[in-house]
Amino acid sequence: MKLSAHELAKALALPQDTLERWVRQGRIPVRKSGSTFSFSYAALKSWTAKHNVNFDLSSPQEGQGASQQGVSLVEALEAGGVVYDLEGVDPSDILENASHNVPGLDEAERAELFVRLEERERMASTGVGRGVALPHPRTPLEACQTPAIVTCFLKHPVEFGAVDDEPVRILFLILSPDVRTHLQLLSKISYCVREPSFLSFLGKVPQVPELIEKVAKFEARL
């Protein structure tokens, strides 16, 4: 079976950079064939089950169009809010403190979220490069019924094991009620953080209205 890097990354709920790194390292039963990735569906399904990685081919095969527009990135960012000067000296500190800033959860739910975030991080760093990380639970958290992205500007850069070894300065903590919503949000925020102009904008640590306005412009391009 063959899929583009973008399609396969979406099906695995992984940043594309992480997928490509795993393929280069031989950590996943996938081979690169020109501009596409080839794999045995059965072998990849078995591997994902063994490693507790999501694998859903429905979204890539359905294409983009209306389904991609079904989840608003702007609304998710507004629901999650923005945290400035987030404290922490390592990824565990950062993820715990970020969990405590998720609106609408009680203490037990925030503690569970932190555990789930650490589990996901142990699989592979969610640091996607250029000072950005996109942490998220490995599977949807029952308490998170509304899509939300918590934007965190770190007080100090933190080594995160990112794909480019650059310390992380900004987190977008992604929370979704289901896998399909997660894939859509991950695709949209990944598009934004791949753009140099957006990264430069984030480097200025914008206030909430500026951030929302900028993201709305980027989302309109999708």
C-alpha atoms as a PDB file:
ATOM      1  CA  MET A   1       0.000   0.000   0.000  1.00  0.00           C
ATOM      2  CA  LYS A   2       1.246   3.511  -0.753  1.00  0.00           C
ATOM      3  CA  LEU A   3       0.417   6.898   0.790  1.00  0.00           C
ATOM      4  CA  SER A   4       1.999  10.320   0.748  1.00  0.00           C
ATOM      5  CA  ALA A   5       3.959  11.407   3.806  1.00  0.00           C
ATOM      6  CA  HIS A   6       1.153  13.808   4.741  1.00  0.00           C
ATOM      7  CA  GLU A   7      -1.540  11.129   4.464  1.00  0.00           C
ATOM      8  CA  LEU A   8       0.374   8.522   6.439  1.00  0.00           C
ATOM      9  CA  ALA A   9       1.348  10.995   9.163  1.00  0.00           C
ATOM     10  CA  LYS A  10      -2.327  11.908   9.558  1.00  0.00           C
ATOM     11  CA  ALA A  11      -3.357   8.262   9.705  1.00  0.00           C
ATOM     12  CA  LEU A  12      -0.821   7.673  12.491  1.00  0.00           C
ATOM     13  CA  ALA A  13      -1.642  10.944  14.311  1.00  0.00           C
ATOM     14  CA  LEU A  14       2.047  11.864  14.153  1.00  0.00           C
ATOM     15  CA  PRO A  15       3.865  15.007  13.038  1.00  0.00           C
ATOM     16  CA  GLN A  16       5.252  14.386   9.565  1.00  0.00           C
ATOM     17  CA  ASP A  17       8.812  15.096  10.740  1.00  0.00           C
ATOM     18  CA  THR A  18       8.502  12.364  13.377  1.00  0.00           C
ATOM     19  CA  LEU A  19       7.216   9.833  10.839  1.00  0.00           C
ATOM     20  CA  GLU A  20      10.066  10.564   8.440  1.00  0.00           C
ATOM     21  CA  ARG A  21      12.630  10.297  11.244  1.00  0.00           C
ATOM     22  CA  TRP A  22      11.234   6.938  12.372  1.00  0.00           C
ATOM     23  CA  VAL A  23      11.394   5.651   8.791  1.00  0.00           C
ATOM     24  CA  ARG A  24      15.028   6.780   8.452  1.00  0.00           C
ATOM     25  CA  GLN A  25      15.869   5.070  11.746  1.00  0.00           C
ATOM     26  CA  GLY A  26      14.101   1.846  10.775  1.00  0.00           C
ATOM     27  CA  ARG A  27      11.811   2.063  13.799  1.00  0.00           C
ATOM     28  CA  ILE A  28       8.588   1.536  11.833  1.00  0.00           C
ATOM     29  CA  PRO A  29       7.766  -1.038   9.081  1.00  0.00           C
ATOM     30  CA  VAL A  30       7.475   1.580   6.333  1.00  0.00           C
ATOM     31  CA  ARG A  31       9.725   2.282   3.344  1.00  0.00           C
ATOM     32  CA  LYS A  32      10.116   5.502   1.395  1.00  0.00           C
ATOM     33  CA  SER A  33       9.484   5.077  -2.330  1.00  0.00           C
ATOM     34  CA  GLY A  34      10.170   8.347  -4.095  1.00  0.00           C
ATOM     35  CA  SER A  35       7.625  10.870  -2.845  1.00  0.00           C
ATOM     36  CA  THR A  36       5.431   8.223  -1.198  1.00  0.00           C
ATOM     37  CA  PHE A  37       5.698   5.709   1.623  1.00  0.00           C
ATOM     38  CA  SER A  38       4.988   2.032   0.967  1.00  0.00           C
ATOM     39  CA  PHE A  39       4.002  -0.513   3.602  1.00  0.00           C
ATOM     40  CA  SER A  40       2.066  -3.659   4.314  1.00  0.00           C
ATOM     41  CA  TYR A  41      -1.230  -2.702   5.928  1.00  0.00           C
ATOM     42  CA  ALA A  42      -1.231  -5.849   8.082  1.00  0.00           C
ATOM     43  CA  ALA A  43       2.364  -5.323   9.225  1.00  0.00           C
ATOM     44  CA  LEU A  44       1.819  -1.667  10.066  1.00  0.00           C
ATOM     45  CA  LYS A  45      -1.468  -2.426  11.831  1.00  0.00           C
ATOM     46  CA  SER A  46       0.299  -5.034  13.965  1.00  0.00           C
ATOM     47  CA  TRP A  47       3.174  -2.653  14.742  1.00  0.00           C
ATOM     48  CA  THR A  48       0.861   0.182  15.774  1.00  0.00           C
ATOM     49  CA  ALA A  49      -1.148  -2.130  18.032  1.00  0.00           C
ATOM     50  CA  LYS A  50       2.046  -3.362  19.704  1.00  0.00           C
ATOM     51  CA  HIS A  51       3.355   0.181  20.243  1.00  0.00           C
ATOM     52  CA  ASN A  52      -0.019   1.755  21.155  1.00  0.00           C
ATOM     53  CA  VAL A  53       0.041   4.130  18.185  1.00  0.00           C
ATOM     54  CA  ASN A  54      -3.212   5.247  16.577  1.00  0.00           C
ATOM     55  CA  PHE A  55      -3.717   4.046  12.998  1.00  0.00           C
ATOM     56  CA  ASP A  56      -6.808   5.251  11.161  1.00  0.00           C
ATOM     57  CA  LEU A  57      -6.826   5.346   7.368  1.00  0.00           C
ATOM     58  CA  SER A  58     -10.336   6.768   7.062  1.00  0.00           C
ATOM     59  CA  SER A  59      -9.280  10.412   7.205  1.00  0.00           C
ATOM     60  CA  PRO A  60      -6.576  10.332   4.492  1.00  0.00           C
ATOM     61  CA  GLN A  61      -8.829   8.421   2.117  1.00  0.00           C
ATOM     62  CA  GLU A  62     -11.710  10.811   2.565  1.00  0.00           C
ATOM     63  CA  GLY A  63      -9.619  13.723   1.377  1.00  0.00           C
ATOM     64  CA  GLN A  64      -9.812  17.220   2.670  1.00  0.00           C
ATOM     65  CA  GLY A  65     -12.644  19.585   1.715  1.00  0.00           C
ATOM     66  CA  ALA A  66     -15.512  19.949   4.170  1.00  0.00           C
ATOM     67  CA  SER A  67     -14.179  17.461   6.730  1.00  0.00           C
ATOM     68  CA  GLN A  68     -10.979  19.485   7.085  1.00  0.00           C
ATOM     69  CA  GLN A  69     -13.076  22.574   7.717  1.00  0.00           C
ATOM     70  CA  GLY A  70     -15.238  20.834  10.303  1.00  0.00           C
ATOM     71  CA  VAL A  71     -12.972  21.724  13.236  1.00  0.00           C
ATOM     72  CA  SER A  72     -12.034  25.345  13.757  1.00  0.00           C
ATOM     73  CA  LEU A  73      -8.428  25.920  14.756  1.00  0.00           C
ATOM     74  CA  VAL A  74      -9.311  29.400  15.974  1.00  0.00           C
ATOM     75  CA  GLU A  75     -12.115  28.070  18.179  1.00  0.00           C
ATOM     76  CA  ALA A  76      -9.823  25.393  19.611  1.00  0.00           C
ATOM     77  CA  LEU A  77      -7.186  28.002  20.469  1.00  0.00           C
ATOM     78  CA  GLU A  78      -9.786  30.242  22.081  1.00  0.00           C
ATOM     79  CA  ALA A  79     -11.124  27.301  24.105  1.00  0.00           C
ATOM     80  CA  GLY A  80      -7.653  26.364  25.347  1.00  0.00           C
ATOM     81  CA  GLY A  81      -6.376  29.837  26.135  1.00  0.00           C
ATOM     82  CA  VAL A  82      -2.812  31.151  26.266  1.00  0.00           C
ATOM     83  CA  VAL A  83      -0.274  30.702  29.064  1.00  0.00           C
ATOM     84  CA  TYR A  84       2.689  33.070  29.284  1.00  0.00           C
ATOM     85  CA  ASP A  85       5.998  32.398  31.072  1.00  0.00           C
ATOM     86  CA  LEU A  86       5.256  28.734  31.700  1.00  0.00           C
ATOM     87  CA  GLU A  87       7.803  27.458  34.225  1.00  0.00           C
ATOM     88  CA  GLY A  88       9.772  24.233  33.882  1.00  0.00           C
ATOM     89  CA  VAL A  89      13.305  22.889  33.564  1.00  0.00           C
ATOM     90  CA  ASP A  90      12.609  19.702  31.575  1.00  0.00           C
ATOM     91  CA  PRO A  91       9.800  18.188  29.474  1.00  0.00           C
ATOM     92  CA  SER A  92       8.169  16.520  32.489  1.00  0.00           C
ATOM     93  CA  ASP A  93       7.998  19.827  34.377  1.00  0.00           C
ATOM     94  CA  ILE A  94       6.635  21.592  31.335  1.00  0.00           C
ATOM     95  CA  LEU A  95       3.959  18.994  30.635  1.00  0.00           C
ATOM     96  CA  GLU A  96       2.835  18.902  34.271  1.00  0.00           C
ATOM     97  CA  ASN A  97       2.567  22.684  34.456  1.00  0.00           C
ATOM     98  CA  ALA A  98       0.818  22.852  31.102  1.00  0.00           C
ATOM     99  CA  SER A  99      -1.702  20.247  32.307  1.00  0.00           C
ATOM    100  CA  HIS A 100      -2.515  22.414  35.325  1.00  0.00           C
ATOM    101  CA  ASN A 101      -3.428  25.244  32.949  1.00  0.00           C
ATOM    102  CA  VAL A 102      -6.009  23.325  30.913  1.00  0.00           C
ATOM    103  CA  PRO A 103      -9.396  24.966  31.522  1.00  0.00           C
ATOM    104  CA  GLY A 104     -12.441  22.935  32.525  1.00  0.00           C
ATOM    105  CA  LEU A 105     -10.639  19.998  34.168  1.00  0.00           C
ATOM    106  CA  ASP A 106     -10.579  19.120  37.843  1.00  0.00           C
ATOM    107  CA  GLU A 107      -7.370  18.151  39.643  1.00  0.00           C
ATOM    108  CA  ALA A 108      -7.811  14.419  39.061  1.00  0.00           C
ATOM    109  CA  GLU A 109      -8.427  14.954  35.352  1.00  0.00           C
ATOM    110  CA  ARG A 110      -5.379  17.207  35.065  1.00  0.00           C
ATOM    111  CA  ALA A 111      -3.286  14.567  36.818  1.00  0.00           C
ATOM    112  CA  GLU A 112      -4.542  11.932  34.383  1.00  0.00           C
ATOM    113  CA  LEU A 113      -3.787  14.221  31.450  1.00  0.00           C
ATOM    114  CA  PHE A 114      -0.221  14.691  32.672  1.00  0.00           C
ATOM    115  CA  VAL A 115       0.281  10.921  32.895  1.00  0.00           C
ATOM    116  CA  ARG A 116      -1.086  10.477  29.367  1.00  0.00           C
ATOM    117  CA  LEU A 117       1.123  13.252  27.992  1.00  0.00           C
ATOM    118  CA  GLU A 118       4.219  11.671  29.525  1.00  0.00           C
ATOM    119  CA  GLU A 119       3.252   8.288  28.067  1.00  0.00           C
ATOM    120  CA  ARG A 120       3.017   9.851  24.616  1.00  0.00           C
ATOM    121  CA  GLU A 121       6.304  11.704  25.051  1.00  0.00           C
ATOM    122  CA  ARG A 122       8.127   8.491  25.974  1.00  0.00           C
ATOM    123  CA  MET A 123       7.187   7.049  22.584  1.00  0.00           C
ATOM    124  CA  ALA A 124       8.884   9.916  20.745  1.00  0.00           C
ATOM    125  CA  SER A 125       9.357  13.604  21.340  1.00  0.00           C
ATOM    126  CA  THR A 126       6.523  15.835  20.198  1.00  0.00           C
ATOM    127  CA  GLY A 127       9.096  18.555  19.582  1.00  0.00           C
ATOM    128  CA  VAL A 128       8.539  19.129  15.858  1.00  0.00           C
ATOM    129  CA  GLY A 129      11.478  21.503  15.437  1.00  0.00           C
ATOM    130  CA  ARG A 130      12.134  25.231  15.251  1.00  0.00           C
ATOM    131  CA  GLY A 131      11.383  25.662  18.941  1.00  0.00           C
ATOM    132  CA  VAL A 132       7.850  24.216  18.812  1.00  0.00           C
ATOM    133  CA  ALA A 133       6.301  21.150  20.458  1.00  0.00           C
ATOM    134  CA  LEU A 134       2.824  19.710  19.866  1.00  0.00           C
ATOM    135  CA  PRO A 135       2.150  17.507  22.922  1.00  0.00           C
ATOM    136  CA  HIS A 136      -1.066  15.507  23.064  1.00  0.00           C
ATOM    137  CA  PRO A 137      -2.455  12.392  24.764  1.00  0.00           C
ATOM    138  CA  ARG A 138      -1.890   9.141  22.908  1.00  0.00           C
ATOM    139  CA  THR A 139      -5.665   8.551  22.899  1.00  0.00           C
ATOM    140  CA  PRO A 140      -8.518  11.032  23.494  1.00  0.00           C
ATOM    141  CA  LEU A 141      -9.082  11.994  27.119  1.00  0.00           C
ATOM    142  CA  GLU A 142     -12.689  11.332  28.188  1.00  0.00           C
ATOM    143  CA  ALA A 143     -12.836  14.605  30.134  1.00  0.00           C
ATOM    144  CA  CYS A 144     -11.948  16.658  27.025  1.00  0.00           C
ATOM    145  CA  GLN A 145     -15.211  16.761  25.113  1.00  0.00           C
ATOM    146  CA  THR A 146     -14.500  20.122  23.458  1.00  0.00           C
ATOM    147  CA  PRO A 147     -11.571  20.537  21.048  1.00  0.00           C
ATOM    148  CA  ALA A 148      -8.969  22.778  22.656  1.00  0.00           C
ATOM    149  CA  ILE A 149      -5.392  23.836  22.077  1.00  0.00           C
ATOM    150  CA  VAL A 150      -3.566  25.375  25.020  1.00  0.00           C
ATOM    151  CA  THR A 151      -0.840  27.722  23.762  1.00  0.00           C
ATOM    152  CA  CYS A 152       2.114  27.935  26.140  1.00  0.00           C
ATOM    153  CA  PHE A 153       5.015  30.359  25.832  1.00  0.00           C
ATOM    154  CA  LEU A 154       7.823  28.994  27.993  1.00  0.00           C
ATOM    155  CA  LYS A 155       9.666  31.257  30.405  1.00  0.00           C
ATOM    156  CA  HIS A 156      12.939  29.595  29.384  1.00  0.00           C
ATOM    157  CA  PRO A 157      13.738  27.318  26.402  1.00  0.00           C
ATOM    158  CA  VAL A 158      13.779  23.629  27.370  1.00  0.00           C
ATOM    159  CA  GLU A 159      15.582  20.691  25.751  1.00  0.00           C
ATOM    160  CA  PHE A 160      12.792  18.460  24.434  1.00  0.00           C
ATOM    161  CA  GLY A 161      14.559  15.930  22.246  1.00  0.00           C
ATOM    162  CA  ALA A 162      13.110  17.704  19.222  1.00  0.00           C
ATOM    163  CA  VAL A 163      13.804  16.441  15.705  1.00  0.00           C
ATOM    164  CA  ASP A 164      16.266  19.304  15.082  1.00  0.00           C
ATOM    165  CA  ASP A 165      17.696  19.306  18.643  1.00  0.00           C
ATOM    166  CA  GLU A 166      16.558  22.909  19.084  1.00  0.00           C
ATOM    167  CA  PRO A 167      15.186  23.737  22.559  1.00  0.00           C
ATOM    168  CA  VAL A 168      11.444  24.237  22.726  1.00  0.00           C
ATOM    169  CA  ARG A 169      10.068  27.700  23.423  1.00  0.00           C
ATOM    170  CA  ILE A 170       6.407  27.269  22.477  1.00  0.00           C
ATOM    171  CA  LEU A 171       3.913  24.451  23.085  1.00  0.00           C
ATOM    172  CA  PHE A 172       0.552  23.863  21.497  1.00  0.00           C
ATOM    173  CA  LEU A 173      -1.103  21.269  23.761  1.00  0.00           C
ATOM    174  CA  ILE A 174      -3.739  19.535  21.612  1.00  0.00           C
ATOM    175  CA  LEU A 175      -6.852  18.058  23.250  1.00  0.00           C
ATOM    176  CA  SER A 176      -9.549  16.386  21.168  1.00  0.00           C
ATOM    177  CA  PRO A 177     -12.672  14.330  21.893  1.00  0.00           C
ATOM    178  CA  ASP A 178     -11.875  11.831  19.106  1.00  0.00           C
ATOM    179  CA  VAL A 179      -9.129  10.778  16.708  1.00  0.00           C
ATOM    180  CA  ARG A 180     -10.667  12.454  13.638  1.00  0.00           C
ATOM    181  CA  THR A 181     -10.786  15.834  15.390  1.00  0.00           C
ATOM    182  CA  HIS A 182      -7.226  15.361  16.603  1.00  0.00           C
ATOM    183  CA  LEU A 183      -5.992  14.669  13.072  1.00  0.00           C
ATOM    184  CA  GLN A 184      -7.681  17.784  11.733  1.00  0.00           C
ATOM    185  CA  LEU A 185      -6.297  20.029  14.458  1.00  0.00           C
ATOM    186  CA  LEU A 186      -2.826  18.496  14.179  1.00  0.00           C
ATOM    187  CA  SER A 187      -2.837  19.041  10.427  1.00  0.00           C
ATOM    188  CA  LYS A 188      -3.884  22.669  10.763  1.00  0.00           C
ATOM    189  CA  ILE A 189      -1.486  23.674  13.531  1.00  0.00           C
ATOM    190  CA  SER A 190       1.337  21.791  11.775  1.00  0.00           C
ATOM    191  CA  TYR A 191       0.665  23.857   8.659  1.00  0.00           C
ATOM    192  CA  CYS A 192       0.996  27.061  10.685  1.00  0.00           C
ATOM    193  CA  VAL A 193       4.215  26.150  12.482  1.00  0.00           C
ATOM    194  CA  ARG A 194       5.921  25.115   9.244  1.00  0.00           C
ATOM    195  CA  GLU A 195       5.602  28.682   7.956  1.00  0.00           C
ATOM    196  CA  PRO A 196       8.662  30.880   8.736  1.00  0.00           C
ATOM    197  CA  SER A 197       6.498  34.010   8.957  1.00  0.00           C
ATOM    198  CA  PHE A 198       4.280  32.385  11.596  1.00  0.00           C
ATOM    199  CA  LEU A 199       7.283  31.232  13.618  1.00  0.00           C
ATOM    200  CA  SER A 200       8.734  34.735  13.476  1.00  0.00           C
ATOM    201  CA  PHE A 201       5.396  36.074  14.688  1.00  0.00           C
ATOM    202  CA  LEU A 202       5.359  33.620  17.614  1.00  0.00           C
ATOM    203  CA  GLY A 203       8.869  34.729  18.549  1.00  0.00           C
ATOM    204  CA  LYS A 204       7.428  38.135  19.449  1.00  0.00           C
ATOM    205  CA  VAL A 205       5.173  36.460  22.074  1.00  0.00           C
ATOM    206  CA  PRO A 206       1.946  38.024  20.779  1.00  0.00           C
ATOM    207  CA  GLN A 207      -1.034  38.841  22.930  1.00  0.00           C
ATOM    208  CA  VAL A 208      -4.176  36.755  22.558  1.00  0.00           C
ATOM    209  CA  PRO A 209      -6.080  38.992  20.086  1.00  0.00           C
ATOM    210  CA  GLU A 210      -3.031  39.188  17.796  1.00  0.00           C
ATOM    211  CA  LEU A 211      -2.500  35.437  17.939  1.00  0.00           C
ATOM    212  CA  ILE A 212      -6.118  34.652  17.116  1.00  0.00           C
ATOM    213  CA  GLU A 213      -6.152  37.142  14.239  1.00  0.00           C
ATOM    214  CA  LYS A 214      -2.971  35.687  12.752  1.00  0.00           C
ATOM    215  CA  VAL A 215      -4.176  32.091  13.074  1.00  0.00           C
ATOM    216  CA  ALA A 216      -7.507  33.007  11.463  1.00  0.00           C
ATOM    217  CA  LYS A 217      -5.630  34.301   8.426  1.00  0.00           C
ATOM    218  CA  PHE A 218      -3.577  31.126   8.154  1.00  0.00           C
ATOM    219  CA  GLU A 219      -6.618  28.902   8.636  1.00  0.00           C
ATOM    220  CA  ALA A 220      -8.419  30.744   5.845  1.00  0.00           C
ATOM    221  CA  ARG A 221      -5.762  29.497   3.437  1.00  0.00           C
ATOM    222  CA  LEU A 222      -6.596  25.836   4.120  1.00  0.00           C
END
